[in-house]
Amino acid sequence: LQYEGTADLDTASNPVDEVFAAVTRFRSSRDFMALMRYIARFPNYSAFNGLLLYLQNPSATYVATARTWAQKFRRKPRRDAKPLVILAPMAPILFLFDMQDTEGAPVPTNLLRPREVDGQLLGKIYTNTVHNAALHGIAVYETTLANGETDTASRITPALRKKFEDLNLKKDTSYLILTDKTQNLEDRYASLSYELGHIFCSHLGIDRHAWWPERRDLDISGEEIEADAVAYLVCSRSGFRAGSGNYLINYSEAHPEIPLISINAVIQAMGYIEDMGKHRWKSPKKHR
């Protein structure tokens, strides 16, 4: 006997996607956008840990360890406080407490203020990302797009290589991203994150550089939602909005439910793009 929803569960290849296939409320556009905004509010924690926090306390505002609350804010967990569990580097788990579950000295007025990023830092993030993309066989070029044209990511084919022969693409280039150089830096970075989201979510397939798994039979709307979710999280967690998330927001307002997507692919892609902006690498950080 096959129960309703079993087919969706069969498509889940990891525990994260299995949860999202099983718990149908996450297919609600409203709940999905709430999750995206929640993960964006915690840039100091990985997106995966943001997901874990959301599953435990979707109303959390600011979280920290008991030690941090005591040493930095002169506060302590309440007697009935509920610890929140996340994964920690160099340790199995870490226990956090939400601000609403602590008591003591008044919290700083700017504690919940969104992160801001200055232009100089964003410039470094952008150039680091372009450099590291090349290590994965992804060429990024800024150009003046004609009216009606949009930024795009393409899989390199002989025909495409011939079309853009003036770019002198390297032999091992597998993907090409074109961005509009007339845009400001924030919008260019948002566009770059969106196109990298398409590539890292496997919407353009895989090649020998790929650390991401191959995925087949993807829904077009689902692909757009995944890529836009990646860009929305990357930009929001970096401290700016730019034009990211427009498709995602418009779709959620027009449709009560989103198609079945891979939240795991979104989180993996977003985390990798964040890492790409931090330093210039000598080789890719992930391999198949």
C-alpha atoms as a PDB file:
ATOM      1  CA  LEU A   1       0.000   0.000   0.000  1.00  0.00           C
ATOM      2  CA  GLN A   2       1.462   3.363  -1.033  1.00  0.00           C
ATOM      3  CA  TYR A   3       0.364   6.321   1.038  1.00  0.00           C
ATOM      4  CA  GLU A   4      -0.108   9.834  -0.335  1.00  0.00           C
ATOM      5  CA  GLY A   5       3.225  11.647  -0.356  1.00  0.00           C
ATOM      6  CA  THR A   6       5.337   8.500  -0.651  1.00  0.00           C
ATOM      7  CA  ALA A   7       6.435   9.487  -4.162  1.00  0.00           C
ATOM      8  CA  ASP A   8       7.788  12.791  -2.833  1.00  0.00           C
ATOM      9  CA  LEU A   9       9.678  10.949  -0.101  1.00  0.00           C
ATOM     10  CA  ASP A  10      11.170   8.605  -2.681  1.00  0.00           C
ATOM     11  CA  THR A  11      12.754  11.571  -4.474  1.00  0.00           C
ATOM     12  CA  ALA A  12      14.517  12.788  -1.313  1.00  0.00           C
ATOM     13  CA  SER A  13      18.161  11.709  -1.365  1.00  0.00           C
ATOM     14  CA  ASN A  14      19.163  13.184   2.013  1.00  0.00           C
ATOM     15  CA  PRO A  15      17.639  13.727   5.490  1.00  0.00           C
ATOM     16  CA  VAL A  16      17.036  17.456   4.955  1.00  0.00           C
ATOM     17  CA  ASP A  17      14.971  16.987   1.801  1.00  0.00           C
ATOM     18  CA  GLU A  18      13.191  14.025   3.398  1.00  0.00           C
ATOM     19  CA  VAL A  19      11.957  16.269   6.212  1.00  0.00           C
ATOM     20  CA  PHE A  20      10.724  18.880   3.739  1.00  0.00           C
ATOM     21  CA  ALA A  21       8.967  16.259   1.661  1.00  0.00           C
ATOM     22  CA  ALA A  22       7.330  14.705   4.730  1.00  0.00           C
ATOM     23  CA  VAL A  23       6.302  17.876   6.594  1.00  0.00           C
ATOM     24  CA  THR A  24       3.969  19.390   4.021  1.00  0.00           C
ATOM     25  CA  ARG A  25       3.618  22.777   5.741  1.00  0.00           C
ATOM     26  CA  PHE A  26       7.001  23.681   4.291  1.00  0.00           C
ATOM     27  CA  ARG A  27       5.368  23.567   0.852  1.00  0.00           C
ATOM     28  CA  SER A  28       3.332  26.577   1.954  1.00  0.00           C
ATOM     29  CA  SER A  29       4.753  29.699   0.308  1.00  0.00           C
ATOM     30  CA  ARG A  30       4.215  31.660   3.509  1.00  0.00           C
ATOM     31  CA  ASP A  31       6.053  29.121   5.668  1.00  0.00           C
ATOM     32  CA  PHE A  32       8.866  28.763   3.151  1.00  0.00           C
ATOM     33  CA  MET A  33       9.429  32.530   3.041  1.00  0.00           C
ATOM     34  CA  ALA A  34       9.356  32.604   6.845  1.00  0.00           C
ATOM     35  CA  LEU A  35      12.129  30.002   6.850  1.00  0.00           C
ATOM     36  CA  MET A  36      14.196  31.996   4.334  1.00  0.00           C
ATOM     37  CA  ARG A  37      13.872  35.197   6.383  1.00  0.00           C
ATOM     38  CA  TYR A  38      14.737  33.289   9.548  1.00  0.00           C
ATOM     39  CA  ILE A  39      17.948  31.793   8.137  1.00  0.00           C
ATOM     40  CA  ALA A  40      18.884  35.242   6.809  1.00  0.00           C
ATOM     41  CA  ARG A  41      18.633  36.677  10.344  1.00  0.00           C
ATOM     42  CA  PHE A  42      21.421  34.430  11.645  1.00  0.00           C
ATOM     43  CA  PRO A  43      24.458  35.127   9.417  1.00  0.00           C
ATOM     44  CA  ASN A  44      26.882  34.098  12.158  1.00  0.00           C
ATOM     45  CA  TYR A  45      25.626  30.527  11.894  1.00  0.00           C
ATOM     46  CA  SER A  46      25.595  28.268   8.872  1.00  0.00           C
ATOM     47  CA  ALA A  47      22.357  28.019   6.932  1.00  0.00           C
ATOM     48  CA  PHE A  48      22.057  24.400   8.029  1.00  0.00           C
ATOM     49  CA  ASN A  49      22.271  25.445  11.679  1.00  0.00           C
ATOM     50  CA  GLY A  50      19.751  28.175  10.900  1.00  0.00           C
ATOM     51  CA  LEU A  51      17.432  25.433   9.684  1.00  0.00           C
ATOM     52  CA  LEU A  52      17.986  23.441  12.885  1.00  0.00           C
ATOM     53  CA  LEU A  53      17.216  26.521  14.975  1.00  0.00           C
ATOM     54  CA  TYR A  54      14.026  27.172  13.003  1.00  0.00           C
ATOM     55  CA  LEU A  55      12.790  23.623  13.547  1.00  0.00           C
ATOM     56  CA  GLN A  56      13.305  24.027  17.308  1.00  0.00           C
ATOM     57  CA  ASN A  57      12.201  27.636  17.828  1.00  0.00           C
ATOM     58  CA  PRO A  58      10.847  29.550  14.812  1.00  0.00           C
ATOM     59  CA  SER A  59      10.362  32.685  16.939  1.00  0.00           C
ATOM     60  CA  ALA A  60      13.982  32.959  18.125  1.00  0.00           C
ATOM     61  CA  THR A  61      15.445  36.457  17.813  1.00  0.00           C
ATOM     62  CA  TYR A  62      19.109  36.329  18.900  1.00  0.00           C
ATOM     63  CA  VAL A  63      20.903  33.223  20.127  1.00  0.00           C
ATOM     64  CA  ALA A  64      24.191  32.632  21.931  1.00  0.00           C
ATOM     65  CA  THR A  65      25.823  30.169  24.309  1.00  0.00           C
ATOM     66  CA  ALA A  66      25.346  30.546  28.061  1.00  0.00           C
ATOM     67  CA  ARG A  67      29.011  31.570  28.310  1.00  0.00           C
ATOM     68  CA  THR A  68      28.570  34.315  25.697  1.00  0.00           C
ATOM     69  CA  TRP A  69      25.424  35.616  27.367  1.00  0.00           C
ATOM     70  CA  ALA A  70      27.281  35.809  30.703  1.00  0.00           C
ATOM     71  CA  GLN A  71      30.592  37.243  29.520  1.00  0.00           C
ATOM     72  CA  LYS A  72      29.402  39.615  26.801  1.00  0.00           C
ATOM     73  CA  PHE A  73      25.922  40.620  27.935  1.00  0.00           C
ATOM     74  CA  ARG A  74      25.852  39.860  31.705  1.00  0.00           C
ATOM     75  CA  ARG A  75      22.771  37.718  31.247  1.00  0.00           C
ATOM     76  CA  LYS A  76      21.949  34.106  32.084  1.00  0.00           C
ATOM     77  CA  PRO A  77      19.358  31.545  30.953  1.00  0.00           C
ATOM     78  CA  ARG A  78      16.046  31.603  32.814  1.00  0.00           C
ATOM     79  CA  ARG A  79      15.219  28.699  35.080  1.00  0.00           C
ATOM     80  CA  ASP A  80      12.813  27.237  32.497  1.00  0.00           C
ATOM     81  CA  ALA A  81      14.948  28.128  29.453  1.00  0.00           C
ATOM     82  CA  LYS A  82      14.965  25.649  26.595  1.00  0.00           C
ATOM     83  CA  PRO A  83      18.434  25.069  25.097  1.00  0.00           C
ATOM     84  CA  LEU A  84      18.663  24.944  21.311  1.00  0.00           C
ATOM     85  CA  VAL A  85      21.001  22.423  19.699  1.00  0.00           C
ATOM     86  CA  ILE A  86      23.163  23.065  16.643  1.00  0.00           C
ATOM     87  CA  LEU A  87      26.154  21.354  15.069  1.00  0.00           C
ATOM     88  CA  ALA A  88      29.539  22.799  16.019  1.00  0.00           C
ATOM     89  CA  PRO A  89      33.001  22.712  14.420  1.00  0.00           C
ATOM     90  CA  MET A  90      35.512  20.611  16.344  1.00  0.00           C
ATOM     91  CA  ALA A  91      32.701  19.355  18.603  1.00  0.00           C
ATOM     92  CA  PRO A  92      29.579  17.240  18.146  1.00  0.00           C
ATOM     93  CA  ILE A  93      27.008  19.855  19.194  1.00  0.00           C
ATOM     94  CA  LEU A  94      26.599  23.293  20.737  1.00  0.00           C
ATOM     95  CA  PHE A  95      23.816  24.514  23.042  1.00  0.00           C
ATOM     96  CA  LEU A  96      22.403  28.000  22.495  1.00  0.00           C
ATOM     97  CA  PHE A  97      19.788  30.101  24.274  1.00  0.00           C
ATOM     98  CA  ASP A  98      17.447  32.617  22.691  1.00  0.00           C
ATOM     99  CA  MET A  99      17.482  36.146  24.089  1.00  0.00           C
ATOM    100  CA  GLN A 100      13.866  35.731  25.226  1.00  0.00           C
ATOM    101  CA  ASP A 101      14.985  32.811  27.401  1.00  0.00           C
ATOM    102  CA  THR A 102      17.610  34.867  29.246  1.00  0.00           C
ATOM    103  CA  GLU A 103      17.509  37.477  32.001  1.00  0.00           C
ATOM    104  CA  GLY A 104      19.883  40.067  33.426  1.00  0.00           C
ATOM    105  CA  ALA A 105      21.328  43.333  32.166  1.00  0.00           C
ATOM    106  CA  PRO A 106      19.512  45.187  29.365  1.00  0.00           C
ATOM    107  CA  VAL A 107      20.589  44.072  25.899  1.00  0.00           C
ATOM    108  CA  PRO A 108      22.272  46.598  23.568  1.00  0.00           C
ATOM    109  CA  THR A 109      19.784  48.487  21.408  1.00  0.00           C
ATOM    110  CA  ASN A 110      21.653  47.498  18.231  1.00  0.00           C
ATOM    111  CA  LEU A 111      21.695  43.776  18.985  1.00  0.00           C
ATOM    112  CA  LEU A 112      18.915  42.975  16.516  1.00  0.00           C
ATOM    113  CA  ARG A 113      19.990  45.499  13.901  1.00  0.00           C
ATOM    114  CA  PRO A 114      20.562  43.864  10.480  1.00  0.00           C
ATOM    115  CA  ARG A 115      24.157  43.443   9.378  1.00  0.00           C
ATOM    116  CA  GLU A 116      25.542  46.120   7.072  1.00  0.00           C
ATOM    117  CA  VAL A 117      28.345  45.736   4.537  1.00  0.00           C
ATOM    118  CA  ASP A 118      30.489  48.544   3.146  1.00  0.00           C
ATOM    119  CA  GLY A 119      31.357  48.922  -0.520  1.00  0.00           C
ATOM    120  CA  GLN A 120      35.044  48.085  -0.057  1.00  0.00           C
ATOM    121  CA  LEU A 121      34.254  44.773   1.634  1.00  0.00           C
ATOM    122  CA  LEU A 122      31.621  43.922  -0.975  1.00  0.00           C
ATOM    123  CA  GLY A 123      34.158  44.631  -3.727  1.00  0.00           C
ATOM    124  CA  LYS A 124      36.537  42.122  -2.173  1.00  0.00           C
ATOM    125  CA  ILE A 125      33.754  39.551  -1.770  1.00  0.00           C
ATOM    126  CA  TYR A 126      32.815  39.985  -5.438  1.00  0.00           C
ATOM    127  CA  THR A 127      36.354  39.667  -6.819  1.00  0.00           C
ATOM    128  CA  ASN A 128      37.102  36.683  -4.566  1.00  0.00           C
ATOM    129  CA  THR A 129      33.962  34.960  -5.817  1.00  0.00           C
ATOM    130  CA  VAL A 130      34.832  35.568  -9.477  1.00  0.00           C
ATOM    131  CA  HIS A 131      38.375  34.261  -8.899  1.00  0.00           C
ATOM    132  CA  ASN A 132      37.175  31.131  -7.117  1.00  0.00           C
ATOM    133  CA  ALA A 133      34.480  30.490  -9.717  1.00  0.00           C
ATOM    134  CA  ALA A 134      37.232  30.174 -12.335  1.00  0.00           C
ATOM    135  CA  LEU A 135      38.774  27.337 -10.297  1.00  0.00           C
ATOM    136  CA  HIS A 136      35.559  25.404 -10.950  1.00  0.00           C
ATOM    137  CA  GLY A 137      35.631  26.031 -14.694  1.00  0.00           C
ATOM    138  CA  ILE A 138      33.126  28.891 -14.383  1.00  0.00           C
ATOM    139  CA  ALA A 139      34.092  32.001 -16.362  1.00  0.00           C
ATOM    140  CA  VAL A 140      32.459  35.268 -15.278  1.00  0.00           C
ATOM    141  CA  TYR A 141      32.439  38.222 -17.671  1.00  0.00           C
ATOM    142  CA  GLU A 142      30.912  41.652 -17.306  1.00  0.00           C
ATOM    143  CA  THR A 143      29.378  43.035 -20.472  1.00  0.00           C
ATOM    144  CA  THR A 144      26.791  45.514 -21.682  1.00  0.00           C
ATOM    145  CA  LEU A 145      23.578  43.590 -22.217  1.00  0.00           C
ATOM    146  CA  ALA A 146      21.174  44.609 -24.965  1.00  0.00           C
ATOM    147  CA  ASN A 147      17.637  45.729 -24.158  1.00  0.00           C
ATOM    148  CA  GLY A 148      15.598  42.770 -22.981  1.00  0.00           C
ATOM    149  CA  GLU A 149      18.658  40.634 -22.238  1.00  0.00           C
ATOM    150  CA  THR A 150      19.258  39.430 -18.700  1.00  0.00           C
ATOM    151  CA  ASP A 151      22.203  38.010 -16.818  1.00  0.00           C
ATOM    152  CA  THR A 152      22.638  34.376 -17.695  1.00  0.00           C
ATOM    153  CA  ALA A 153      24.596  31.230 -16.922  1.00  0.00           C
ATOM    154  CA  SER A 154      25.230  28.773 -19.749  1.00  0.00           C
ATOM    155  CA  ARG A 155      26.864  25.404 -20.185  1.00  0.00           C
ATOM    156  CA  ILE A 156      29.730  25.713 -22.662  1.00  0.00           C
ATOM    157  CA  THR A 157      29.101  24.032 -26.019  1.00  0.00           C
ATOM    158  CA  PRO A 158      31.148  24.249 -29.241  1.00  0.00           C
ATOM    159  CA  ALA A 159      28.548  26.660 -30.646  1.00  0.00           C
ATOM    160  CA  LEU A 160      28.675  28.874 -27.553  1.00  0.00           C
ATOM    161  CA  ARG A 161      32.465  28.827 -27.517  1.00  0.00           C
ATOM    162  CA  LYS A 162      32.448  29.998 -31.144  1.00  0.00           C
ATOM    163  CA  LYS A 163      29.870  32.703 -30.388  1.00  0.00           C
ATOM    164  CA  PHE A 164      32.075  34.120 -27.633  1.00  0.00           C
ATOM    165  CA  GLU A 165      35.463  33.417 -29.201  1.00  0.00           C
ATOM    166  CA  ASP A 166      36.479  37.020 -28.460  1.00  0.00           C
ATOM    167  CA  LEU A 167      36.484  36.088 -24.747  1.00  0.00           C
ATOM    168  CA  ASN A 168      39.309  33.578 -25.291  1.00  0.00           C
ATOM    169  CA  LEU A 169      37.706  31.064 -22.952  1.00  0.00           C
ATOM    170  CA  LYS A 170      40.103  28.538 -21.443  1.00  0.00           C
ATOM    171  CA  LYS A 171      39.893  24.944 -22.620  1.00  0.00           C
ATOM    172  CA  ASP A 172      38.701  23.709 -19.233  1.00  0.00           C
ATOM    173  CA  THR A 173      35.908  26.312 -18.972  1.00  0.00           C
ATOM    174  CA  SER A 174      32.602  24.476 -18.616  1.00  0.00           C
ATOM    175  CA  TYR A 175      30.216  27.316 -17.724  1.00  0.00           C
ATOM    176  CA  LEU A 176      29.892  30.968 -18.699  1.00  0.00           C
ATOM    177  CA  ILE A 177      28.181  33.656 -16.629  1.00  0.00           C
ATOM    178  CA  LEU A 178      27.487  37.039 -18.214  1.00  0.00           C
ATOM    179  CA  THR A 179      26.601  39.939 -15.926  1.00  0.00           C
ATOM    180  CA  ASP A 180      25.559  43.493 -16.759  1.00  0.00           C
ATOM    181  CA  LYS A 181      28.476  45.845 -16.071  1.00  0.00           C
ATOM    182  CA  THR A 182      26.114  48.835 -16.010  1.00  0.00           C
ATOM    183  CA  GLN A 183      24.592  47.549 -12.758  1.00  0.00           C
ATOM    184  CA  ASN A 184      25.893  48.715  -9.403  1.00  0.00           C
ATOM    185  CA  LEU A 185      28.102  46.355  -7.416  1.00  0.00           C
ATOM    186  CA  GLU A 186      25.305  45.083  -5.161  1.00  0.00           C
ATOM    187  CA  ASP A 187      23.124  44.116  -8.121  1.00  0.00           C
ATOM    188  CA  ARG A 188      26.056  42.497  -9.939  1.00  0.00           C
ATOM    189  CA  TYR A 189      26.866  40.396  -6.883  1.00  0.00           C
ATOM    190  CA  ALA A 190      23.197  39.455  -6.510  1.00  0.00           C
ATOM    191  CA  SER A 191      23.124  38.406 -10.182  1.00  0.00           C
ATOM    192  CA  LEU A 192      26.357  36.436  -9.793  1.00  0.00           C
ATOM    193  CA  SER A 193      24.991  34.628  -6.720  1.00  0.00           C
ATOM    194  CA  TYR A 194      21.781  33.824  -8.590  1.00  0.00           C
ATOM    195  CA  GLU A 195      23.608  32.347 -11.596  1.00  0.00           C
ATOM    196  CA  LEU A 196      26.014  30.403  -9.378  1.00  0.00           C
ATOM    197  CA  GLY A 197      22.913  29.125  -7.587  1.00  0.00           C
ATOM    198  CA  HIS A 198      21.673  27.690 -10.881  1.00  0.00           C
ATOM    199  CA  ILE A 199      25.019  25.967 -11.467  1.00  0.00           C
ATOM    200  CA  PHE A 200      25.569  24.642  -7.934  1.00  0.00           C
ATOM    201  CA  CYS A 201      21.969  23.392  -7.693  1.00  0.00           C
ATOM    202  CA  SER A 202      22.783  21.320 -10.807  1.00  0.00           C
ATOM    203  CA  HIS A 203      20.328  23.065 -13.119  1.00  0.00           C
ATOM    204  CA  LEU A 204      22.976  23.035 -15.864  1.00  0.00           C
ATOM    205  CA  GLY A 205      24.227  19.522 -15.193  1.00  0.00           C
ATOM    206  CA  ILE A 206      27.667  18.478 -13.995  1.00  0.00           C
ATOM    207  CA  ASP A 207      31.188  18.292 -15.348  1.00  0.00           C
ATOM    208  CA  ARG A 208      34.538  17.104 -14.010  1.00  0.00           C
ATOM    209  CA  HIS A 209      34.824  20.169 -11.748  1.00  0.00           C
ATOM    210  CA  ALA A 210      31.431  19.591 -10.126  1.00  0.00           C
ATOM    211  CA  TRP A 211      31.181  18.939  -6.394  1.00  0.00           C
ATOM    212  CA  TRP A 212      27.375  19.063  -6.651  1.00  0.00           C
ATOM    213  CA  PRO A 213      25.384  15.904  -7.499  1.00  0.00           C
ATOM    214  CA  GLU A 214      23.592  15.419 -10.788  1.00  0.00           C
ATOM    215  CA  ARG A 215      19.845  16.024 -10.650  1.00  0.00           C
ATOM    216  CA  ARG A 216      17.292  15.182 -13.315  1.00  0.00           C
ATOM    217  CA  ASP A 217      13.707  16.074 -14.213  1.00  0.00           C
ATOM    218  CA  LEU A 218      13.734  19.418 -12.415  1.00  0.00           C
ATOM    219  CA  ASP A 219      10.692  21.691 -12.617  1.00  0.00           C
ATOM    220  CA  ILE A 220      11.421  25.078 -14.253  1.00  0.00           C
ATOM    221  CA  SER A 221       9.602  26.986 -11.513  1.00  0.00           C
ATOM    222  CA  GLY A 222      11.443  24.923  -8.928  1.00  0.00           C
ATOM    223  CA  GLU A 223      14.781  25.789 -10.525  1.00  0.00           C
ATOM    224  CA  GLU A 224      13.980  29.502 -10.414  1.00  0.00           C
ATOM    225  CA  ILE A 225      12.893  29.274  -6.783  1.00  0.00           C
ATOM    226  CA  GLU A 226      16.058  27.405  -5.797  1.00  0.00           C
ATOM    227  CA  ALA A 227      18.395  29.862  -7.550  1.00  0.00           C
ATOM    228  CA  ASP A 228      16.519  32.885  -6.220  1.00  0.00           C
ATOM    229  CA  ALA A 229      16.499  31.440  -2.695  1.00  0.00           C
ATOM    230  CA  VAL A 230      20.273  31.000  -2.925  1.00  0.00           C
ATOM    231  CA  ALA A 231      20.775  34.624  -4.019  1.00  0.00           C
ATOM    232  CA  TYR A 232      18.298  35.931  -1.439  1.00  0.00           C
ATOM    233  CA  LEU A 233      20.094  34.173   1.420  1.00  0.00           C
ATOM    234  CA  VAL A 234      23.596  35.087   0.240  1.00  0.00           C
ATOM    235  CA  CYS A 235      22.709  38.769  -0.152  1.00  0.00           C
ATOM    236  CA  SER A 236      20.538  39.117   2.952  1.00  0.00           C
ATOM    237  CA  ARG A 237      23.096  37.401   5.179  1.00  0.00           C
ATOM    238  CA  SER A 238      25.836  39.637   3.725  1.00  0.00           C
ATOM    239  CA  GLY A 239      23.940  42.753   4.758  1.00  0.00           C
ATOM    240  CA  PHE A 240      22.210  44.021   1.631  1.00  0.00           C
ATOM    241  CA  ARG A 241      19.081  43.275  -0.364  1.00  0.00           C
ATOM    242  CA  ALA A 242      19.859  44.391  -3.926  1.00  0.00           C
ATOM    243  CA  GLY A 243      17.459  42.796  -6.410  1.00  0.00           C
ATOM    244  CA  SER A 244      17.754  39.291  -5.018  1.00  0.00           C
ATOM    245  CA  GLY A 245      14.672  37.298  -4.145  1.00  0.00           C
ATOM    246  CA  ASN A 246      12.297  39.099  -6.512  1.00  0.00           C
ATOM    247  CA  TYR A 247      11.119  35.944  -8.283  1.00  0.00           C
ATOM    248  CA  LEU A 248      10.884  34.091  -4.989  1.00  0.00           C
ATOM    249  CA  ILE A 249       8.830  36.823  -3.330  1.00  0.00           C
ATOM    250  CA  ASN A 250       6.551  37.361  -6.340  1.00  0.00           C
ATOM    251  CA  TYR A 251       5.964  33.616  -6.721  1.00  0.00           C
ATOM    252  CA  SER A 252       5.139  33.191  -3.032  1.00  0.00           C
ATOM    253  CA  GLU A 253       2.618  36.046  -3.220  1.00  0.00           C
ATOM    254  CA  ALA A 254       0.922  34.588  -6.310  1.00  0.00           C
ATOM    255  CA  HIS A 255       0.933  30.898  -5.327  1.00  0.00           C
ATOM    256  CA  PRO A 256      -0.122  29.381  -1.986  1.00  0.00           C
ATOM    257  CA  GLU A 257       2.356  26.516  -2.419  1.00  0.00           C
ATOM    258  CA  ILE A 258       5.810  26.121  -3.925  1.00  0.00           C
ATOM    259  CA  PRO A 259       6.803  23.112  -6.039  1.00  0.00           C
ATOM    260  CA  LEU A 260       8.866  20.372  -4.455  1.00  0.00           C
ATOM    261  CA  ILE A 261      12.441  21.658  -4.360  1.00  0.00           C
ATOM    262  CA  SER A 262      15.687  20.579  -2.721  1.00  0.00           C
ATOM    263  CA  ILE A 263      16.260  22.748   0.335  1.00  0.00           C
ATOM    264  CA  ASN A 264      19.485  20.807   0.819  1.00  0.00           C
ATOM    265  CA  ALA A 265      20.736  21.951  -2.602  1.00  0.00           C
ATOM    266  CA  VAL A 266      19.845  25.556  -1.714  1.00  0.00           C
ATOM    267  CA  ILE A 267      21.687  25.399   1.612  1.00  0.00           C
ATOM    268  CA  GLN A 268      24.749  23.684   0.135  1.00  0.00           C
ATOM    269  CA  ALA A 269      24.973  26.172  -2.751  1.00  0.00           C
ATOM    270  CA  MET A 270      24.431  29.201  -0.529  1.00  0.00           C
ATOM    271  CA  GLY A 271      27.053  28.110   1.986  1.00  0.00           C
ATOM    272  CA  TYR A 272      29.606  27.476  -0.742  1.00  0.00           C
ATOM    273  CA  ILE A 273      29.016  30.877  -2.367  1.00  0.00           C
ATOM    274  CA  GLU A 274      29.437  32.545   1.028  1.00  0.00           C
ATOM    275  CA  ASP A 275      32.766  30.745   1.468  1.00  0.00           C
ATOM    276  CA  MET A 276      33.863  31.740  -2.047  1.00  0.00           C
ATOM    277  CA  GLY A 277      33.652  35.391  -1.089  1.00  0.00           C
ATOM    278  CA  LYS A 278      35.871  35.164   1.988  1.00  0.00           C
ATOM    279  CA  HIS A 279      39.290  34.366   0.503  1.00  0.00           C
ATOM    280  CA  ARG A 280      40.991  33.649  -2.808  1.00  0.00           C
ATOM    281  CA  TRP A 281      41.591  29.928  -3.076  1.00  0.00           C
ATOM    282  CA  LYS A 282      44.400  28.070  -4.791  1.00  0.00           C
ATOM    283  CA  SER A 283      42.132  25.125  -5.551  1.00  0.00           C
ATOM    284  CA  PRO A 284      38.434  24.262  -5.099  1.00  0.00           C
ATOM    285  CA  LYS A 285      37.356  23.592  -1.507  1.00  0.00           C
ATOM    286  CA  LYS A 286      35.002  20.800  -2.520  1.00  0.00           C
ATOM    287  CA  HIS A 287      35.470  17.870  -4.854  1.00  0.00           C
ATOM    288  CA  ARG A 288      33.222  15.024  -5.909  1.00  0.00           C
END
